[in-house]
Amino acid sequence: MPTNNIVTIEHLLTLIGQRVVFQQQQCEIIELLDDCEFVLQVLEDDTNIQATQYGEGHRAVPITYVLPIFDGEGDLHAELVAAGLHRLLTE
C-alpha cells in the first residue's frame, strides 16, 4: 500500500460506516480494499442487476463504487478530493 504522512491504515479503517455524498448520491463506506480503495454503497433505492458468470442477470444488488484513496505519487486521489472525502481524512 502507498504510504502517506497524514493518513494511516488505522484511520482509514475508522471511516468504514461513514455516510458521504458521492456523485450526488448518498453512500456509505462499506469496505477498505487492500490496494487503498474505499468501496462505497449507494443508500438510495437504485439497484443494478448482477450478472452470473454466464452473463445472465438474475439478482438486484445495491450500486457500489470503488474510490481510490491515493494517486500514484502517494497524495490523496483527485476523485476523493472532488467528492469532499478528504475532509474525513484530515479530521
C-alpha atoms as a PDB file:
ATOM      1  CA  MET A   1       0.000   0.000   0.000  1.00  0.00           C
ATOM      2  CA  PRO A   2       1.219   3.503  -0.655  1.00  0.00           C
ATOM      3  CA  THR A   3       2.119   5.366   2.480  1.00  0.00           C
ATOM      4  CA  ASN A   4       1.017   8.884   3.234  1.00  0.00           C
ATOM      5  CA  ASN A   5       2.286  11.057   6.045  1.00  0.00           C
ATOM      6  CA  ILE A   6      -1.140  12.298   7.113  1.00  0.00           C
ATOM      7  CA  VAL A   7      -3.233   9.130   6.771  1.00  0.00           C
ATOM      8  CA  THR A   8      -2.754   5.766   8.472  1.00  0.00           C
ATOM      9  CA  ILE A   9      -4.458   2.471   7.695  1.00  0.00           C
ATOM     10  CA  GLU A  10      -5.966   2.535  11.184  1.00  0.00           C
ATOM     11  CA  HIS A  11      -7.503   5.942  10.439  1.00  0.00           C
ATOM     12  CA  LEU A  12      -8.895   4.667   7.135  1.00  0.00           C
ATOM     13  CA  LEU A  13     -10.487   1.693   8.907  1.00  0.00           C
ATOM     14  CA  THR A  14     -12.302   4.027  11.321  1.00  0.00           C
ATOM     15  CA  LEU A  15     -14.103   5.587   8.340  1.00  0.00           C
ATOM     16  CA  ILE A  16     -15.976   2.387   7.495  1.00  0.00           C
ATOM     17  CA  GLY A  17     -19.645   3.058   8.156  1.00  0.00           C
ATOM     18  CA  GLN A  18     -19.400   6.806   7.498  1.00  0.00           C
ATOM     19  CA  ARG A  19     -22.049   8.266   5.227  1.00  0.00           C
ATOM     20  CA  VAL A  20     -20.899  10.516   2.410  1.00  0.00           C
ATOM     21  CA  VAL A  21     -22.249  12.090  -0.768  1.00  0.00           C
ATOM     22  CA  PHE A  22     -20.575  10.809  -3.941  1.00  0.00           C
ATOM     23  CA  GLN A  23     -21.780  11.729  -7.441  1.00  0.00           C
ATOM     24  CA  GLN A  24     -24.886  13.345  -5.924  1.00  0.00           C
ATOM     25  CA  GLN A  25     -25.867  10.064  -4.217  1.00  0.00           C
ATOM     26  CA  GLN A  26     -25.977   9.280  -0.509  1.00  0.00           C
ATOM     27  CA  CYS A  27     -23.441   6.493   0.099  1.00  0.00           C
ATOM     28  CA  GLU A  28     -21.877   4.567   2.942  1.00  0.00           C
ATOM     29  CA  ILE A  29     -18.231   3.497   3.091  1.00  0.00           C
ATOM     30  CA  ILE A  30     -18.563  -0.276   3.441  1.00  0.00           C
ATOM     31  CA  GLU A  31     -15.049  -1.611   2.873  1.00  0.00           C
ATOM     32  CA  LEU A  32     -11.372  -0.721   2.592  1.00  0.00           C
ATOM     33  CA  LEU A  33      -9.651  -2.784  -0.082  1.00  0.00           C
ATOM     34  CA  ASP A  34      -6.016  -3.874   0.248  1.00  0.00           C
ATOM     35  CA  ASP A  35      -4.846  -1.551  -2.508  1.00  0.00           C
ATOM     36  CA  CYS A  36      -6.135   1.523  -0.615  1.00  0.00           C
ATOM     37  CA  GLU A  37      -9.527   1.940  -2.216  1.00  0.00           C
ATOM     38  CA  PHE A  38     -12.830   2.590  -0.496  1.00  0.00           C
ATOM     39  CA  VAL A  39     -15.940   0.683  -1.545  1.00  0.00           C
ATOM     40  CA  LEU A  40     -18.993   2.937  -1.369  1.00  0.00           C
ATOM     41  CA  GLN A  41     -22.535   1.562  -1.414  1.00  0.00           C
ATOM     42  CA  VAL A  42     -25.397   3.772  -2.572  1.00  0.00           C
ATOM     43  CA  LEU A  43     -28.071   4.009   0.121  1.00  0.00           C
ATOM     44  CA  GLU A  44     -30.867   5.049  -2.221  1.00  0.00           C
ATOM     45  CA  ASP A  45     -33.322   2.641  -3.833  1.00  0.00           C
ATOM     46  CA  ASP A  46     -31.328   2.326  -7.067  1.00  0.00           C
ATOM     47  CA  THR A  47     -30.057  -1.166  -7.866  1.00  0.00           C
ATOM     48  CA  ASN A  48     -28.058  -2.937 -10.540  1.00  0.00           C
ATOM     49  CA  ILE A  49     -28.800  -6.356 -11.945  1.00  0.00           C
ATOM     50  CA  GLN A  50     -25.901  -8.650 -11.058  1.00  0.00           C
ATOM     51  CA  ALA A  51     -24.959 -10.982 -13.864  1.00  0.00           C
ATOM     52  CA  THR A  52     -23.980 -14.593 -13.344  1.00  0.00           C
ATOM     53  CA  GLN A  53     -20.717 -15.955 -14.719  1.00  0.00           C
ATOM     54  CA  TYR A  54     -22.659 -16.625 -17.934  1.00  0.00           C
ATOM     55  CA  GLY A  55     -23.811 -13.009 -18.270  1.00  0.00           C
ATOM     56  CA  GLU A  56     -27.420 -13.647 -17.258  1.00  0.00           C
ATOM     57  CA  GLY A  57     -28.940 -11.109 -14.888  1.00  0.00           C
ATOM     58  CA  HIS A  58     -30.867 -12.635 -12.011  1.00  0.00           C
ATOM     59  CA  ARG A  59     -30.382 -10.587  -8.866  1.00  0.00           C
ATOM     60  CA  ALA A  60     -30.811  -6.921  -7.957  1.00  0.00           C
ATOM     61  CA  VAL A  61     -27.910  -5.599  -5.872  1.00  0.00           C
ATOM     62  CA  PRO A  62     -27.134  -2.127  -4.486  1.00  0.00           C
ATOM     63  CA  ILE A  63     -24.977   0.153  -6.631  1.00  0.00           C
ATOM     64  CA  THR A  64     -21.374   0.345  -5.446  1.00  0.00           C
ATOM     65  CA  TYR A  65     -18.393   2.477  -6.379  1.00  0.00           C
ATOM     66  CA  VAL A  66     -14.693   1.807  -5.856  1.00  0.00           C
ATOM     67  CA  LEU A  67     -12.895   5.019  -4.987  1.00  0.00           C
ATOM     68  CA  PRO A  68      -9.088   5.193  -4.872  1.00  0.00           C
ATOM     69  CA  ILE A  69      -7.663   6.945  -1.820  1.00  0.00           C
ATOM     70  CA  PHE A  70      -4.157   7.729  -3.113  1.00  0.00           C
ATOM     71  CA  ASP A  71      -2.794   8.592  -6.529  1.00  0.00           C
ATOM     72  CA  GLY A  72       0.417   7.135  -7.950  1.00  0.00           C
ATOM     73  CA  GLU A  73       2.552   9.610  -6.036  1.00  0.00           C
ATOM     74  CA  GLY A  74       1.041   8.938  -2.601  1.00  0.00           C
ATOM     75  CA  ASP A  75      -1.126  12.064  -2.498  1.00  0.00           C
ATOM     76  CA  LEU A  76      -4.877  11.984  -1.979  1.00  0.00           C
ATOM     77  CA  HIS A  77      -6.567  10.974  -5.233  1.00  0.00           C
ATOM     78  CA  ALA A  78      -8.329  13.747  -7.166  1.00  0.00           C
ATOM     79  CA  GLU A  79     -11.655  11.832  -7.167  1.00  0.00           C
ATOM     80  CA  LEU A  80     -11.551  11.551  -3.388  1.00  0.00           C
ATOM     81  CA  VAL A  81     -10.823  15.261  -3.018  1.00  0.00           C
ATOM     82  CA  ALA A  82     -13.527  16.193  -5.565  1.00  0.00           C
ATOM     83  CA  ALA A  83     -16.063  14.178  -3.592  1.00  0.00           C
ATOM     84  CA  GLY A  84     -15.092  16.034  -0.414  1.00  0.00           C
ATOM     85  CA  LEU A  85     -13.971  12.857   1.359  1.00  0.00           C
ATOM     86  CA  HIS A  86     -10.567  14.367   2.117  1.00  0.00           C
ATOM     87  CA  ARG A  87     -12.266  16.266   4.959  1.00  0.00           C
ATOM     88  CA  LEU A  88     -12.941  12.962   6.731  1.00  0.00           C
ATOM     89  CA  LEU A  89      -9.276  12.031   6.416  1.00  0.00           C
ATOM     90  CA  THR A  90      -7.974  15.279   7.876  1.00  0.00           C
ATOM     91  CA  GLU A  91     -10.230  15.323  10.958  1.00  0.00           C
END
